[in-house]
Amino acid sequence: MQLSAIAKGMAVGAAAGTVGYFVSAASGREKAKLKRRTVKAVHAIGAVMDSIADFLH
């Protein structure tokens, strides 16, 4: 198993848990904003992990 895959999984899991917490306490409009921001954050985390993996190889 590759270290980058494990790191990505952990990052996505942490992000999903955080979003789940905030969504449960948010209003309708806030939920839409959180979903958009979450998608952007997950993409950014993936890009960072890919960059780190490329750097290490």
N, C-alpha and C. Protein backbone atom coordinates (compact mmCIF):
# COMPACT_ATOMS: atom_id res chain seq x y z
N MET A 1 0.84 -1.18 0.00
CA MET A 1 0.00 0.00 0.00
C MET A 1 0.89 1.24 0.00
N GLN A 2 0.50 2.23 -0.75
CA GLN A 2 1.31 3.43 -0.87
C GLN A 2 0.98 4.42 0.24
N LEU A 3 2.00 5.11 0.68
CA LEU A 3 1.83 6.08 1.75
C LEU A 3 0.93 7.23 1.32
N SER A 4 1.02 7.65 0.07
CA SER A 4 0.19 8.77 -0.39
C SER A 4 -1.28 8.40 -0.38
N ALA A 5 -1.61 7.16 -0.70
CA ALA A 5 -3.01 6.72 -0.67
C ALA A 5 -3.55 6.74 0.75
N ILE A 6 -2.72 6.34 1.69
CA ILE A 6 -3.14 6.36 3.10
C ILE A 6 -3.34 7.80 3.56
N ALA A 7 -2.42 8.67 3.21
CA ALA A 7 -2.53 10.08 3.61
C ALA A 7 -3.76 10.73 3.00
N LYS A 8 -4.04 10.44 1.74
CA LYS A 8 -5.24 10.99 1.10
C LYS A 8 -6.49 10.50 1.80
N GLY A 9 -6.52 9.22 2.12
CA GLY A 9 -7.67 8.66 2.81
C GLY A 9 -7.91 9.30 4.16
N MET A 10 -6.83 9.52 4.89
CA MET A 10 -6.95 10.16 6.19
C MET A 10 -7.42 11.61 6.06
N ALA A 11 -6.90 12.32 5.08
CA ALA A 11 -7.30 13.71 4.87
C ALA A 11 -8.76 13.81 4.48
N VAL A 12 -9.20 12.94 3.58
CA VAL A 12 -10.60 12.96 3.16
C VAL A 12 -11.50 12.57 4.32
N GLY A 13 -11.09 11.60 5.11
CA GLY A 13 -11.88 11.21 6.27
C GLY A 13 -12.02 12.32 7.28
N ALA A 14 -10.92 13.01 7.54
CA ALA A 14 -10.96 14.13 8.48
C ALA A 14 -11.84 15.25 7.95
N ALA A 15 -11.72 15.54 6.67
CA ALA A 15 -12.55 16.59 6.06
C ALA A 15 -14.02 16.21 6.12
N ALA A 16 -14.33 14.95 5.82
CA ALA A 16 -15.72 14.50 5.84
C ALA A 16 -16.30 14.58 7.26
N GLY A 17 -15.52 14.21 8.24
CA GLY A 17 -15.99 14.30 9.63
C GLY A 17 -16.25 15.72 10.06
N THR A 18 -15.35 16.62 9.67
CA THR A 18 -15.52 18.03 10.01
C THR A 18 -16.75 18.60 9.34
N VAL A 19 -16.92 18.28 8.07
CA VAL A 19 -18.09 18.78 7.34
C VAL A 19 -19.36 18.22 7.93
N GLY A 20 -19.35 16.95 8.27
CA GLY A 20 -20.53 16.34 8.89
C GLY A 20 -20.94 17.06 10.15
N TYR A 21 -19.98 17.42 10.95
CA TYR A 21 -20.26 18.15 12.18
C TYR A 21 -20.87 19.52 11.89
N PHE A 22 -20.25 20.26 10.97
CA PHE A 22 -20.74 21.60 10.67
C PHE A 22 -22.10 21.58 9.96
N VAL A 23 -22.32 20.61 9.09
CA VAL A 23 -23.58 20.53 8.36
C VAL A 23 -24.72 20.21 9.32
N SER A 24 -24.46 19.40 10.33
CA SER A 24 -25.53 19.04 11.26
C SER A 24 -26.03 20.25 12.05
N ALA A 25 -25.20 21.27 12.21
CA ALA A 25 -25.60 22.45 12.98
C ALA A 25 -25.87 23.67 12.09
N ALA A 26 -25.87 23.52 10.78
CA ALA A 26 -26.00 24.66 9.87
C ALA A 26 -27.43 24.82 9.35
N SER A 27 -27.74 26.04 8.92
CA SER A 27 -29.02 26.31 8.27
C SER A 27 -28.93 25.92 6.80
N GLY A 28 -30.02 26.05 6.06
CA GLY A 28 -30.05 25.66 4.65
C GLY A 28 -29.04 26.40 3.80
N ARG A 29 -28.97 27.69 3.93
CA ARG A 29 -28.03 28.49 3.13
C ARG A 29 -26.59 28.17 3.51
N GLU A 30 -26.35 28.00 4.80
CA GLU A 30 -25.00 27.67 5.26
C GLU A 30 -24.57 26.30 4.76
N LYS A 31 -25.51 25.36 4.64
CA LYS A 31 -25.19 24.02 4.15
C LYS A 31 -24.68 24.08 2.72
N ALA A 32 -25.30 24.88 1.88
CA ALA A 32 -24.86 25.00 0.49
C ALA A 32 -23.45 25.57 0.42
N LYS A 33 -23.17 26.59 1.23
CA LYS A 33 -21.83 27.17 1.25
C LYS A 33 -20.80 26.16 1.73
N LEU A 34 -21.16 25.40 2.77
CA LEU A 34 -20.24 24.40 3.30
C LEU A 34 -19.94 23.32 2.26
N LYS A 35 -20.95 22.91 1.51
CA LYS A 35 -20.73 21.87 0.49
C LYS A 35 -19.77 22.37 -0.58
N ARG A 36 -19.96 23.61 -1.04
CA ARG A 36 -19.05 24.16 -2.05
C ARG A 36 -17.63 24.28 -1.52
N ARG A 37 -17.51 24.77 -0.32
CA ARG A 37 -16.18 24.93 0.27
C ARG A 37 -15.51 23.58 0.51
N THR A 38 -16.30 22.59 0.87
CA THR A 38 -15.75 21.26 1.11
C THR A 38 -15.20 20.65 -0.16
N VAL A 39 -15.93 20.80 -1.25
CA VAL A 39 -15.44 20.27 -2.53
C VAL A 39 -14.12 20.93 -2.90
N LYS A 40 -14.05 22.23 -2.73
CA LYS A 40 -12.81 22.95 -3.04
C LYS A 40 -11.67 22.49 -2.13
N ALA A 41 -11.97 22.29 -0.84
CA ALA A 41 -10.94 21.87 0.10
C ALA A 41 -10.44 20.47 -0.22
N VAL A 42 -11.34 19.56 -0.57
CA VAL A 42 -10.94 18.20 -0.89
C VAL A 42 -10.06 18.18 -2.14
N HIS A 43 -10.41 18.98 -3.13
CA HIS A 43 -9.58 19.07 -4.33
C HIS A 43 -8.21 19.64 -4.00
N ALA A 44 -8.17 20.64 -3.13
CA ALA A 44 -6.90 21.24 -2.75
C ALA A 44 -6.03 20.25 -1.98
N ILE A 45 -6.64 19.49 -1.09
CA ILE A 45 -5.90 18.49 -0.33
C ILE A 45 -5.35 17.42 -1.27
N GLY A 46 -6.15 17.01 -2.23
CA GLY A 46 -5.69 16.02 -3.21
C GLY A 46 -4.52 16.55 -4.02
N ALA A 47 -4.59 17.81 -4.41
CA ALA A 47 -3.50 18.41 -5.18
C ALA A 47 -2.22 18.49 -4.35
N VAL A 48 -2.35 18.83 -3.09
CA VAL A 48 -1.18 18.91 -2.21
C VAL A 48 -0.56 17.53 -2.04
N MET A 49 -1.39 16.52 -1.82
CA MET A 49 -0.88 15.16 -1.64
C MET A 49 -0.20 14.66 -2.92
N ASP A 50 -0.78 14.98 -4.07
CA ASP A 50 -0.16 14.58 -5.34
C ASP A 50 1.19 15.27 -5.52
N SER A 51 1.25 16.54 -5.15
CA SER A 51 2.51 17.28 -5.26
C SER A 51 3.57 16.70 -4.35
N ILE A 52 3.17 16.35 -3.13
CA ILE A 52 4.13 15.75 -2.20
C ILE A 52 4.60 14.40 -2.72
N ALA A 53 3.67 13.61 -3.26
CA ALA A 53 4.04 12.31 -3.79
C ALA A 53 5.00 12.45 -4.96
N ASP A 54 4.73 13.41 -5.85
CA ASP A 54 5.63 13.65 -6.98
C ASP A 54 7.01 14.11 -6.50
N PHE A 55 7.03 14.94 -5.48
CA PHE A 55 8.28 15.45 -4.94
C PHE A 55 9.12 14.32 -4.33
N LEU A 56 8.46 13.37 -3.69
CA LEU A 56 9.17 12.28 -3.03
C LEU A 56 9.69 11.23 -4.03
N HIS A 57 9.12 11.21 -5.21
CA HIS A 57 9.56 10.22 -6.21
C HIS A 57 10.61 10.79 -7.03
